[in-house]
N, C-alpha and C. Protein backbone atom coordinates (compact mmCIF):
# COMPACT_ATOMS: atom_id res chain seq x y z
N MET A 1 20.15 -32.72 149.27
CA MET A 1 21.11 -32.89 148.15
C MET A 1 20.48 -33.82 147.12
N GLU A 2 20.44 -33.41 145.93
CA GLU A 2 19.71 -34.13 144.85
C GLU A 2 20.65 -35.36 144.43
N VAL A 3 19.90 -36.43 143.97
CA VAL A 3 20.59 -37.64 143.56
C VAL A 3 21.52 -37.36 142.41
N ALA A 4 21.04 -36.55 141.49
CA ALA A 4 21.84 -36.20 140.28
C ALA A 4 23.17 -35.46 140.64
N PHE A 5 23.05 -34.59 141.65
CA PHE A 5 24.23 -33.88 142.12
C PHE A 5 25.24 -34.83 142.75
N ILE A 6 24.73 -35.78 143.62
CA ILE A 6 25.65 -36.74 144.22
C ILE A 6 26.28 -37.66 143.17
N LEU A 7 25.51 -38.10 142.21
CA LEU A 7 26.04 -38.94 141.17
C LEU A 7 27.11 -38.18 140.37
N LYS A 8 26.85 -36.92 140.13
CA LYS A 8 27.88 -36.12 139.33
C LYS A 8 29.21 -36.09 140.04
N LYS A 9 29.12 -35.87 141.39
CA LYS A 9 30.34 -35.73 142.15
C LYS A 9 31.07 -37.11 142.18
N LEU A 10 30.27 -38.16 142.35
CA LEU A 10 30.90 -39.50 142.46
C LEU A 10 31.54 -39.93 141.15
N VAL A 11 30.86 -39.61 140.03
CA VAL A 11 31.45 -39.94 138.73
C VAL A 11 32.67 -39.11 138.49
N LEU A 12 32.69 -37.81 138.87
CA LEU A 12 33.92 -37.01 138.76
C LEU A 12 35.08 -37.67 139.53
N GLY A 13 34.81 -38.10 140.76
CA GLY A 13 35.79 -38.77 141.55
C GLY A 13 36.36 -40.05 140.91
N MET A 14 35.46 -40.87 140.38
CA MET A 14 35.88 -42.06 139.67
C MET A 14 36.67 -41.77 138.43
N THR A 15 36.27 -40.64 137.75
CA THR A 15 36.99 -40.21 136.54
C THR A 15 38.39 -39.81 136.86
N LEU A 16 38.58 -39.08 137.99
CA LEU A 16 39.89 -38.62 138.37
C LEU A 16 40.78 -39.77 138.78
N ALA A 17 40.14 -40.84 139.38
CA ALA A 17 40.97 -41.93 139.91
C ALA A 17 41.30 -43.02 138.81
N ALA A 18 40.53 -43.10 137.78
CA ALA A 18 40.71 -44.20 136.84
C ALA A 18 41.90 -44.09 135.89
N PRO A 19 42.24 -42.94 135.39
CA PRO A 19 43.49 -42.86 134.51
C PRO A 19 44.72 -43.40 135.29
N ILE A 20 45.61 -44.06 134.57
CA ILE A 20 46.75 -44.61 135.22
C ILE A 20 47.79 -43.61 135.62
N GLY A 21 47.97 -43.52 136.92
CA GLY A 21 49.00 -42.62 137.49
C GLY A 21 49.78 -43.39 138.55
N PRO A 22 50.64 -42.66 139.25
CA PRO A 22 51.54 -43.34 140.24
C PRO A 22 50.73 -44.19 141.25
N VAL A 23 49.62 -43.69 141.76
CA VAL A 23 48.87 -44.42 142.80
C VAL A 23 48.25 -45.72 142.15
N SER A 24 47.66 -45.56 140.95
CA SER A 24 47.07 -46.73 140.27
C SER A 24 48.10 -47.77 139.91
N VAL A 25 49.26 -47.36 139.46
CA VAL A 25 50.37 -48.28 139.10
C VAL A 25 50.75 -49.10 140.34
N GLU A 26 50.92 -48.40 141.47
CA GLU A 26 51.29 -49.06 142.74
C GLU A 26 50.21 -49.96 143.21
N MET A 27 48.96 -49.58 143.04
CA MET A 27 47.81 -50.47 143.38
C MET A 27 47.89 -51.75 142.55
N ILE A 28 48.11 -51.61 141.25
CA ILE A 28 48.07 -52.77 140.40
C ILE A 28 49.24 -53.73 140.76
N LYS A 29 50.46 -53.18 140.96
CA LYS A 29 51.55 -54.04 141.32
C LYS A 29 51.33 -54.80 142.57
N ARG A 30 50.84 -54.09 143.61
CA ARG A 30 50.59 -54.77 144.90
C ARG A 30 49.42 -55.71 144.84
N GLY A 31 48.34 -55.28 144.09
CA GLY A 31 47.13 -56.11 144.02
C GLY A 31 47.42 -57.45 143.27
N LEU A 32 48.13 -57.38 142.20
CA LEU A 32 48.44 -58.64 141.42
C LEU A 32 49.25 -59.58 142.25
N SER A 33 50.07 -59.04 143.18
CA SER A 33 50.95 -59.94 143.97
C SER A 33 50.28 -60.39 145.25
N HIS A 34 49.53 -59.45 145.90
CA HIS A 34 49.09 -59.67 147.28
C HIS A 34 47.58 -59.52 147.55
N GLY A 35 46.81 -59.19 146.45
CA GLY A 35 45.38 -59.17 146.58
C GLY A 35 44.73 -57.87 146.96
N PHE A 36 43.40 -57.94 147.36
CA PHE A 36 42.61 -56.74 147.53
C PHE A 36 43.16 -55.75 148.51
N LEU A 37 43.42 -56.22 149.75
CA LEU A 37 43.77 -55.25 150.86
C LEU A 37 45.04 -54.52 150.47
N ALA A 38 46.07 -55.23 149.87
CA ALA A 38 47.33 -54.59 149.50
C ALA A 38 47.04 -53.44 148.53
N ALA A 39 46.13 -53.71 147.55
CA ALA A 39 45.86 -52.64 146.56
C ALA A 39 45.00 -51.51 147.19
N PHE A 40 43.96 -51.85 147.93
CA PHE A 40 43.03 -50.83 148.41
C PHE A 40 43.73 -49.98 149.45
N SER A 41 44.69 -50.51 150.24
CA SER A 41 45.36 -49.70 151.22
C SER A 41 46.11 -48.51 150.54
N VAL A 42 46.62 -48.73 149.37
CA VAL A 42 47.33 -47.72 148.64
C VAL A 42 46.34 -46.60 148.15
N ARG A 43 45.15 -47.08 147.66
CA ARG A 43 44.13 -46.12 147.20
C ARG A 43 43.62 -45.33 148.42
N LEU A 44 43.45 -46.02 149.58
CA LEU A 44 42.97 -45.36 150.76
C LEU A 44 43.91 -44.27 151.16
N GLY A 45 45.24 -44.56 151.16
CA GLY A 45 46.23 -43.57 151.48
C GLY A 45 46.22 -42.44 150.49
N GLY A 46 46.06 -42.74 149.24
CA GLY A 46 45.96 -41.73 148.17
C GLY A 46 44.78 -40.82 148.45
N ALA A 47 43.61 -41.37 148.75
CA ALA A 47 42.42 -40.64 149.03
C ALA A 47 42.55 -39.71 150.32
N LEU A 48 43.33 -40.21 151.26
CA LEU A 48 43.58 -39.39 152.47
C LEU A 48 44.44 -38.16 152.05
N GLY A 49 45.39 -38.39 151.20
CA GLY A 49 46.22 -37.33 150.70
C GLY A 49 45.42 -36.34 149.87
N ASN A 50 44.47 -36.85 149.01
CA ASN A 50 43.60 -35.99 148.24
C ASN A 50 42.69 -35.15 149.15
N SER A 51 42.21 -35.76 150.29
CA SER A 51 41.34 -35.07 151.21
C SER A 51 42.14 -33.88 151.88
N LEU A 52 43.41 -34.16 152.19
CA LEU A 52 44.25 -33.08 152.82
C LEU A 52 44.41 -31.88 151.81
N CYS A 53 44.61 -32.25 150.52
CA CYS A 53 44.73 -31.19 149.53
C CYS A 53 43.44 -30.44 149.33
N LEU A 54 42.33 -31.18 149.43
CA LEU A 54 41.04 -30.55 149.27
C LEU A 54 40.74 -29.65 150.50
N LEU A 55 41.15 -30.09 151.70
CA LEU A 55 41.00 -29.24 152.89
C LEU A 55 41.83 -27.97 152.75
N ALA A 56 43.06 -28.09 152.32
CA ALA A 56 43.87 -26.88 152.07
C ALA A 56 43.24 -25.96 151.02
N ALA A 57 42.70 -26.61 149.98
CA ALA A 57 41.99 -25.82 148.93
C ALA A 57 40.77 -25.05 149.49
N TYR A 58 40.04 -25.72 150.37
CA TYR A 58 38.84 -25.09 151.02
C TYR A 58 39.27 -23.80 151.73
N TYR A 59 40.30 -23.86 152.54
CA TYR A 59 40.72 -22.64 153.24
C TYR A 59 41.32 -21.57 152.29
N GLY A 60 42.00 -22.06 151.24
CA GLY A 60 42.52 -21.11 150.29
C GLY A 60 41.45 -20.35 149.52
N LEU A 61 40.40 -21.18 149.12
CA LEU A 61 39.34 -20.54 148.38
C LEU A 61 38.48 -19.63 149.19
N SER A 62 38.40 -19.87 150.50
CA SER A 62 37.60 -19.02 151.34
C SER A 62 38.23 -17.60 151.29
N PHE A 63 39.57 -17.52 151.19
CA PHE A 63 40.20 -16.23 151.00
C PHE A 63 40.00 -15.65 149.63
N LEU A 64 40.16 -16.55 148.57
CA LEU A 64 40.18 -16.07 147.24
C LEU A 64 38.71 -15.64 146.76
N MET A 65 37.67 -16.05 147.48
CA MET A 65 36.32 -15.69 147.05
C MET A 65 36.13 -14.15 147.07
N SER A 66 36.99 -13.46 147.84
CA SER A 66 36.92 -12.01 147.88
C SER A 66 37.52 -11.39 146.65
N TYR A 67 38.17 -12.19 145.77
CA TYR A 67 38.82 -11.66 144.56
C TYR A 67 38.30 -12.48 143.37
N PRO A 68 37.13 -12.09 142.86
CA PRO A 68 36.50 -12.91 141.83
C PRO A 68 37.43 -13.18 140.62
N SER A 69 38.28 -12.23 140.21
CA SER A 69 39.15 -12.44 139.05
C SER A 69 40.08 -13.59 139.30
N LEU A 70 40.69 -13.59 140.51
CA LEU A 70 41.64 -14.65 140.86
C LEU A 70 40.86 -16.02 141.01
N PHE A 71 39.69 -15.91 141.53
CA PHE A 71 38.88 -17.14 141.77
C PHE A 71 38.54 -17.79 140.36
N ASN A 72 38.01 -16.92 139.47
CA ASN A 72 37.64 -17.42 138.18
C ASN A 72 38.90 -17.92 137.40
N GLY A 73 40.03 -17.21 137.57
CA GLY A 73 41.25 -17.67 136.92
C GLY A 73 41.68 -19.03 137.38
N LEU A 74 41.56 -19.26 138.73
CA LEU A 74 41.92 -20.54 139.26
C LEU A 74 40.98 -21.57 138.76
N GLY A 75 39.69 -21.23 138.56
CA GLY A 75 38.78 -22.23 137.96
C GLY A 75 39.12 -22.57 136.58
N ILE A 76 39.58 -21.62 135.79
CA ILE A 76 40.04 -21.88 134.40
C ILE A 76 41.22 -22.82 134.44
N VAL A 77 42.19 -22.56 135.38
CA VAL A 77 43.35 -23.46 135.54
C VAL A 77 42.87 -24.86 135.85
N GLY A 78 41.90 -25.04 136.72
CA GLY A 78 41.38 -26.38 137.07
C GLY A 78 40.81 -27.07 135.89
N ALA A 79 40.00 -26.32 135.12
CA ALA A 79 39.39 -26.91 133.90
C ALA A 79 40.46 -27.34 132.91
N LEU A 80 41.44 -26.45 132.70
CA LEU A 80 42.53 -26.76 131.76
C LEU A 80 43.38 -27.95 132.18
N LEU A 81 43.56 -28.05 133.55
CA LEU A 81 44.27 -29.23 134.07
C LEU A 81 43.47 -30.54 133.77
N LEU A 82 42.19 -30.46 133.95
CA LEU A 82 41.39 -31.65 133.62
C LEU A 82 41.54 -32.00 132.17
N ILE A 83 41.48 -31.00 131.30
CA ILE A 83 41.55 -31.27 129.89
C ILE A 83 42.95 -31.84 129.51
N TYR A 84 44.00 -31.23 130.05
CA TYR A 84 45.33 -31.68 129.82
C TYR A 84 45.54 -33.09 130.30
N THR A 85 45.15 -33.35 131.56
CA THR A 85 45.33 -34.69 132.08
C THR A 85 44.58 -35.72 131.34
N GLY A 86 43.34 -35.41 130.95
CA GLY A 86 42.60 -36.31 130.11
C GLY A 86 43.26 -36.61 128.76
N TYR A 87 43.73 -35.58 128.14
CA TYR A 87 44.45 -35.71 126.87
C TYR A 87 45.68 -36.63 126.97
N LYS A 88 46.50 -36.35 128.01
CA LYS A 88 47.74 -37.08 128.25
C LYS A 88 47.39 -38.58 128.51
N SER A 89 46.41 -38.79 129.32
CA SER A 89 46.01 -40.17 129.64
C SER A 89 45.38 -40.90 128.44
N LEU A 90 44.69 -40.14 127.59
CA LEU A 90 44.11 -40.77 126.41
C LEU A 90 45.16 -41.27 125.43
N LYS A 91 46.39 -40.66 125.45
CA LYS A 91 47.44 -40.98 124.52
C LYS A 91 48.24 -42.24 124.99
N LYS A 92 48.07 -42.66 126.29
CA LYS A 92 48.92 -43.69 126.84
C LYS A 92 48.55 -45.03 126.17
N THR A 93 49.56 -45.84 125.94
CA THR A 93 49.42 -47.14 125.40
C THR A 93 49.96 -48.18 126.37
N SER A 94 49.77 -49.48 126.10
CA SER A 94 50.24 -50.46 127.08
C SER A 94 51.76 -50.49 127.15
N ASP A 95 52.45 -49.92 126.17
CA ASP A 95 53.88 -49.88 126.24
C ASP A 95 54.38 -48.85 127.27
N ASP A 96 53.49 -47.97 127.66
CA ASP A 96 53.86 -46.92 128.64
C ASP A 96 53.75 -47.41 130.08
N LEU A 97 53.16 -48.59 130.28
CA LEU A 97 52.90 -49.11 131.60
C LEU A 97 53.94 -50.19 131.98
N ASN A 98 54.42 -50.09 133.21
CA ASN A 98 55.38 -51.07 133.67
C ASN A 98 54.95 -51.54 135.06
N PHE A 99 54.43 -52.76 135.10
CA PHE A 99 53.98 -53.41 136.32
C PHE A 99 54.91 -54.51 136.77
N ASP A 100 56.07 -54.58 136.14
CA ASP A 100 56.91 -55.73 136.41
C ASP A 100 58.01 -55.47 137.43
N GLU A 101 58.12 -54.23 137.90
CA GLU A 101 59.20 -53.91 138.84
C GLU A 101 58.87 -54.63 140.19
N THR A 102 59.91 -54.84 140.93
CA THR A 102 59.73 -55.43 142.24
C THR A 102 58.94 -54.50 143.14
N THR A 103 57.92 -54.97 143.84
CA THR A 103 57.14 -54.19 144.74
C THR A 103 57.73 -54.15 146.14
N ASN A 104 57.97 -53.00 146.65
CA ASN A 104 58.42 -52.88 148.05
C ASN A 104 57.19 -52.88 148.96
N MET A 105 56.97 -53.97 149.70
CA MET A 105 55.79 -54.11 150.47
C MET A 105 55.84 -53.29 151.84
N THR A 106 56.07 -51.99 151.70
CA THR A 106 56.00 -51.16 152.92
C THR A 106 54.53 -50.87 153.12
N ASN A 107 54.19 -50.16 154.19
CA ASN A 107 52.84 -49.86 154.52
C ASN A 107 52.15 -49.14 153.34
N GLY A 108 51.07 -49.83 152.76
CA GLY A 108 50.37 -49.29 151.56
C GLY A 108 49.68 -47.96 151.82
N LEU A 109 49.14 -47.78 153.03
CA LEU A 109 48.46 -46.54 153.37
C LEU A 109 49.43 -45.34 153.36
N GLN A 110 50.61 -45.53 153.98
CA GLN A 110 51.60 -44.48 153.99
C GLN A 110 52.18 -44.24 152.58
N TRP A 111 52.36 -45.23 151.78
CA TRP A 111 52.92 -45.07 150.48
C TRP A 111 51.84 -44.34 149.56
N GLY A 112 50.60 -44.71 149.71
CA GLY A 112 49.56 -44.03 148.92
C GLY A 112 49.46 -42.55 149.28
N LEU A 113 49.56 -42.27 150.63
CA LEU A 113 49.52 -40.91 151.07
C LEU A 113 50.65 -40.09 150.51
N TYR A 114 51.83 -40.68 150.57
CA TYR A 114 53.12 -40.04 149.98
C TYR A 114 52.89 -39.74 148.47
N LEU A 115 52.42 -40.73 147.79
CA LEU A 115 52.29 -40.53 146.34
C LEU A 115 51.25 -39.43 145.96
N ALA A 116 50.30 -39.32 146.81
CA ALA A 116 49.23 -38.34 146.56
C ALA A 116 49.68 -36.87 146.84
N ILE A 117 50.57 -36.69 147.84
CA ILE A 117 50.91 -35.37 148.22
C ILE A 117 52.32 -34.96 147.79
N ALA A 118 53.12 -35.97 147.33
CA ALA A 118 54.46 -35.66 146.87
C ALA A 118 54.57 -34.85 145.60
N ASN A 119 53.48 -34.95 144.79
CA ASN A 119 53.46 -34.22 143.61
C ASN A 119 53.25 -32.71 143.89
N PRO A 120 54.21 -31.89 143.48
CA PRO A 120 54.14 -30.46 143.79
C PRO A 120 52.92 -29.70 143.20
N PHE A 121 52.26 -30.36 142.22
CA PHE A 121 51.13 -29.76 141.59
C PHE A 121 49.78 -30.23 142.28
N ALA A 122 49.88 -31.10 143.28
CA ALA A 122 48.69 -31.73 143.84
C ALA A 122 47.75 -30.61 144.40
N PHE A 123 48.32 -29.71 145.20
CA PHE A 123 47.45 -28.65 145.79
C PHE A 123 46.84 -27.80 144.73
N ILE A 124 47.64 -27.41 143.72
CA ILE A 124 47.10 -26.60 142.63
C ILE A 124 45.99 -27.29 141.90
N PHE A 125 46.23 -28.62 141.62
CA PHE A 125 45.24 -29.43 140.91
C PHE A 125 43.93 -29.48 141.69
N TRP A 126 43.99 -29.80 142.96
CA TRP A 126 42.73 -29.97 143.71
C TRP A 126 42.05 -28.63 144.02
N THR A 127 42.84 -27.57 144.14
CA THR A 127 42.27 -26.29 144.27
C THR A 127 41.53 -25.85 143.05
N GLY A 128 42.15 -26.13 141.90
CA GLY A 128 41.53 -25.88 140.62
C GLY A 128 40.27 -26.62 140.41
N ILE A 129 40.28 -27.95 140.83
CA ILE A 129 39.08 -28.78 140.69
C ILE A 129 37.96 -28.26 141.54
N PHE A 130 38.33 -27.91 142.78
CA PHE A 130 37.34 -27.34 143.69
C PHE A 130 36.74 -26.04 143.12
N ALA A 131 37.63 -25.20 142.57
CA ALA A 131 37.16 -23.89 142.08
C ALA A 131 36.22 -24.05 140.86
N THR A 132 36.49 -25.06 140.05
CA THR A 132 35.57 -25.26 138.88
C THR A 132 34.19 -25.61 139.26
N THR A 133 34.03 -26.25 140.44
CA THR A 133 32.70 -26.69 140.85
C THR A 133 31.93 -25.69 141.68
N LEU A 134 32.59 -24.49 141.93
CA LEU A 134 31.86 -23.52 142.80
C LEU A 134 31.27 -22.34 142.05
N ASP A 135 30.35 -21.68 142.64
CA ASP A 135 29.79 -20.44 142.15
C ASP A 135 30.45 -19.31 142.87
N SER A 136 31.10 -18.45 142.09
CA SER A 136 31.85 -17.35 142.74
C SER A 136 30.96 -16.32 143.53
N THR A 137 29.66 -16.47 143.29
CA THR A 137 28.77 -15.53 143.98
C THR A 137 28.32 -16.04 145.36
N LYS A 138 28.70 -17.32 145.64
CA LYS A 138 28.34 -17.90 146.94
C LYS A 138 29.55 -18.10 147.87
N ALA A 139 29.32 -18.01 149.18
CA ALA A 139 30.37 -18.16 150.11
C ALA A 139 30.80 -19.64 150.20
N VAL A 140 32.09 -19.82 150.49
CA VAL A 140 32.60 -21.14 150.68
C VAL A 140 32.37 -21.52 152.12
N ASP A 141 31.46 -22.45 152.45
CA ASP A 141 31.18 -22.93 153.81
C ASP A 141 31.49 -24.35 153.91
N HIS A 142 31.29 -24.85 155.18
CA HIS A 142 31.60 -26.25 155.37
C HIS A 142 30.73 -27.22 154.66
N HIS A 143 29.51 -26.72 154.28
CA HIS A 143 28.63 -27.59 153.52
C HIS A 143 29.27 -27.94 152.13
N ILE A 144 29.77 -26.90 151.49
CA ILE A 144 30.38 -27.06 150.20
C ILE A 144 31.61 -27.99 150.30
N PHE A 145 32.37 -27.83 151.39
CA PHE A 145 33.52 -28.73 151.60
C PHE A 145 33.07 -30.18 151.66
N PHE A 146 32.05 -30.45 152.49
CA PHE A 146 31.55 -31.82 152.63
C PHE A 146 30.90 -32.38 151.32
N GLU A 147 30.32 -31.47 150.60
CA GLU A 147 29.74 -31.86 149.29
C GLU A 147 30.85 -32.37 148.38
N ASN A 148 31.98 -31.63 148.41
CA ASN A 148 33.08 -32.00 147.54
C ASN A 148 33.85 -33.23 148.01
N LEU A 149 33.59 -33.64 149.26
CA LEU A 149 34.22 -34.89 149.72
C LEU A 149 33.55 -36.06 148.98
N LEU A 150 32.42 -35.84 148.30
CA LEU A 150 31.85 -36.88 147.46
C LEU A 150 32.76 -37.24 146.35
N ILE A 151 33.59 -36.29 145.90
CA ILE A 151 34.59 -36.59 144.87
C ILE A 151 35.57 -37.66 145.41
N ILE A 152 35.97 -37.49 146.70
CA ILE A 152 36.86 -38.46 147.32
C ILE A 152 36.17 -39.82 147.45
N ALA A 153 34.89 -39.77 147.74
CA ALA A 153 34.12 -40.99 147.80
C ALA A 153 34.11 -41.75 146.49
N GLY A 154 34.02 -40.97 145.39
CA GLY A 154 34.08 -41.59 144.07
C GLY A 154 35.47 -42.14 143.77
N VAL A 155 36.51 -41.49 144.27
CA VAL A 155 37.87 -42.04 144.17
C VAL A 155 37.95 -43.42 144.87
N LEU A 156 37.35 -43.50 146.05
CA LEU A 156 37.41 -44.73 146.84
C LEU A 156 36.54 -45.80 146.22
N ILE A 157 35.39 -45.44 145.61
CA ILE A 157 34.53 -46.45 144.95
C ILE A 157 35.32 -47.06 143.79
N TRP A 158 35.96 -46.24 143.01
CA TRP A 158 36.80 -46.79 141.91
C TRP A 158 37.94 -47.67 142.47
N GLY A 159 38.57 -47.21 143.50
CA GLY A 159 39.68 -47.96 144.15
C GLY A 159 39.21 -49.29 144.66
N ALA A 160 37.98 -49.36 145.25
CA ALA A 160 37.47 -50.63 145.74
C ALA A 160 37.16 -51.50 144.60
N GLY A 161 36.60 -51.03 143.54
CA GLY A 161 36.32 -51.87 142.35
C GLY A 161 37.54 -52.44 141.71
N LEU A 162 38.49 -51.57 141.52
CA LEU A 162 39.82 -52.05 140.92
C LEU A 162 40.48 -53.06 141.80
N SER A 163 40.52 -52.75 143.14
CA SER A 163 41.12 -53.78 144.06
C SER A 163 40.47 -55.05 144.07
N THR A 164 39.14 -55.04 143.92
CA THR A 164 38.36 -56.29 143.88
C THR A 164 38.81 -57.11 142.67
N VAL A 165 38.87 -56.40 141.52
CA VAL A 165 39.25 -57.11 140.29
C VAL A 165 40.72 -57.64 140.43
N LEU A 166 41.49 -56.84 141.01
CA LEU A 166 42.96 -57.35 141.17
C LEU A 166 43.01 -58.52 142.10
N GLY A 167 42.15 -58.46 143.15
CA GLY A 167 42.24 -59.56 144.18
C GLY A 167 41.61 -60.84 143.74
N PHE A 168 40.49 -60.75 143.01
CA PHE A 168 39.71 -61.97 142.67
C PHE A 168 39.69 -62.33 141.11
N GLY A 169 40.01 -61.33 140.27
CA GLY A 169 39.93 -61.62 138.83
C GLY A 169 41.16 -61.12 138.09
N HIS A 170 42.32 -61.15 138.78
CA HIS A 170 43.45 -60.54 138.08
C HIS A 170 43.89 -61.30 136.84
N ARG A 171 43.49 -62.57 136.68
CA ARG A 171 43.85 -63.31 135.51
C ARG A 171 43.21 -62.79 134.26
N PHE A 172 42.13 -62.01 134.48
CA PHE A 172 41.39 -61.44 133.29
C PHE A 172 41.89 -60.03 133.02
N LEU A 173 42.72 -59.45 133.93
CA LEU A 173 43.11 -58.10 133.78
C LEU A 173 44.52 -58.03 133.20
N ASN A 174 44.62 -57.44 131.99
CA ASN A 174 45.85 -57.36 131.36
C ASN A 174 46.12 -55.89 130.98
N LYS A 175 47.23 -55.54 130.47
CA LYS A 175 47.58 -54.19 130.14
C LYS A 175 46.59 -53.56 129.17
N LYS A 176 46.15 -54.29 128.21
CA LYS A 176 45.23 -53.77 127.20
C LYS A 176 43.91 -53.32 127.82
N VAL A 177 43.38 -54.19 128.68
CA VAL A 177 42.12 -53.86 129.40
C VAL A 177 42.34 -52.59 130.26
N ILE A 178 43.45 -52.54 130.99
CA ILE A 178 43.70 -51.38 131.90
C ILE A 178 43.81 -50.10 131.02
N VAL A 179 44.50 -50.20 129.89
CA VAL A 179 44.65 -48.95 129.04
C VAL A 179 43.25 -48.55 128.50
N ARG A 180 42.40 -49.52 128.11
CA ARG A 180 41.07 -49.13 127.60
C ARG A 180 40.19 -48.50 128.70
N LEU A 181 40.31 -48.98 129.94
CA LEU A 181 39.56 -48.37 131.01
C LEU A 181 40.09 -46.95 131.30
N SER A 182 41.39 -46.85 131.25
CA SER A 182 42.04 -45.53 131.50
C SER A 182 41.63 -44.53 130.43
N GLN A 183 41.57 -45.00 129.18
CA GLN A 183 41.14 -44.11 128.09
C GLN A 183 39.70 -43.69 128.18
N LEU A 184 38.86 -44.63 128.61
CA LEU A 184 37.45 -44.28 128.75
C LEU A 184 37.28 -43.24 129.88
N ALA A 185 37.98 -43.39 130.96
CA ALA A 185 37.96 -42.33 131.99
C ALA A 185 38.50 -40.99 131.49
N SER A 186 39.52 -41.07 130.61
CA SER A 186 40.09 -39.86 130.07
C SER A 186 39.10 -39.07 129.28
N LEU A 187 38.19 -39.78 128.55
CA LEU A 187 37.16 -39.14 127.78
C LEU A 187 36.19 -38.40 128.72
N PHE A 188 35.86 -39.00 129.84
CA PHE A 188 34.99 -38.35 130.80
C PHE A 188 35.70 -37.12 131.40
N MET A 189 36.99 -37.26 131.67
CA MET A 189 37.73 -36.17 132.21
C MET A 189 37.75 -34.98 131.20
N LEU A 190 37.92 -35.31 129.96
CA LEU A 190 37.89 -34.22 128.92
C LEU A 190 36.52 -33.58 128.92
N TYR A 191 35.44 -34.41 129.02
CA TYR A 191 34.12 -33.86 129.11
C TYR A 191 33.95 -32.87 130.27
N PHE A 192 34.34 -33.32 131.47
CA PHE A 192 34.22 -32.46 132.65
C PHE A 192 35.05 -31.19 132.53
N GLY A 193 36.25 -31.33 131.99
CA GLY A 193 37.09 -30.14 131.79
C GLY A 193 36.43 -29.15 130.83
N LEU A 194 36.00 -29.62 129.73
CA LEU A 194 35.34 -28.72 128.70
C LEU A 194 34.03 -28.08 129.33
N LYS A 195 33.28 -28.93 130.04
CA LYS A 195 32.06 -28.42 130.59
C LYS A 195 32.31 -27.35 131.59
N TYR A 196 33.27 -27.54 132.57
CA TYR A 196 33.56 -26.53 133.55
C TYR A 196 34.16 -25.25 132.90
N LEU A 197 35.00 -25.49 131.90
CA LEU A 197 35.58 -24.31 131.15
C LEU A 197 34.46 -23.51 130.53
N TRP A 198 33.47 -24.14 129.97
CA TRP A 198 32.32 -23.43 129.36
C TRP A 198 31.53 -22.65 130.41
N VAL A 199 31.32 -23.30 131.57
CA VAL A 199 30.55 -22.65 132.62
C VAL A 199 31.25 -21.44 133.19
N ILE A 200 32.63 -21.50 133.30
CA ILE A 200 33.40 -20.37 133.87
C ILE A 200 33.47 -19.26 132.85
N CYS A 201 33.59 -19.63 131.55
CA CYS A 201 33.60 -18.62 130.51
C CYS A 201 32.23 -17.88 130.42
N ASN A 202 31.23 -18.61 130.59
CA ASN A 202 29.88 -17.98 130.65
C ASN A 202 29.71 -17.03 131.88
N ARG A 203 30.33 -17.48 132.99
CA ARG A 203 30.27 -16.67 134.21
C ARG A 203 31.05 -15.37 133.97
N LEU A 204 32.20 -15.45 133.33
CA LEU A 204 32.99 -14.25 133.02
C LEU A 204 32.27 -13.35 132.09
N SER A 205 31.55 -13.93 131.08
CA SER A 205 30.87 -13.03 130.13
C SER A 205 29.71 -12.26 130.79
N VAL A 206 29.08 -12.96 131.76
CA VAL A 206 28.04 -12.24 132.55
C VAL A 206 28.59 -11.15 133.35
N THR A 207 29.74 -11.43 133.95
CA THR A 207 30.46 -10.42 134.85
C THR A 207 30.78 -9.15 134.03
N PHE A 208 31.34 -9.39 132.81
CA PHE A 208 31.80 -8.23 132.03
C PHE A 208 30.64 -7.68 131.16
């Protein structure tokens, strides 16, 4: 496995994790109050939920590979979801973030898992992301599944970094900094979405 390929997957994972969503908000609330472990446990639970969605996507795509039009259509959906999510995150301002609510200190791992899989679009999102990174001419095997787990590793790397900042340097972390980091990640997300959309459109043009 080439270093560039590994880095691309890790960067994609960090890009998906960085924009402010339900898991990140919960991490920040818990981390500011209770430190690194409280924040990272939420991200770990979220990554576990993401892995379950990725596993379901793996079995779903194994079936869809026999139908190239459906497979490529799903890849387009995944690319468009990346573009849409990046665009929405790019528009967020500090006024959209609320970290002042009382934090319910239930098990962070369980709460992160719930937040990751409670979204009804989670399976569609991860299936789309998985589909955008595949070649429709190749079979979906366990090697491809484990390769895409690098995306989850990127999610965890970002989570560990954010949790460390929350635990040891939270006095320097304010809403403005969080929004700027989120917007930077959103630009990367737009880049990946446009890139994958271009690749799939080229794939379709070759097919036709």
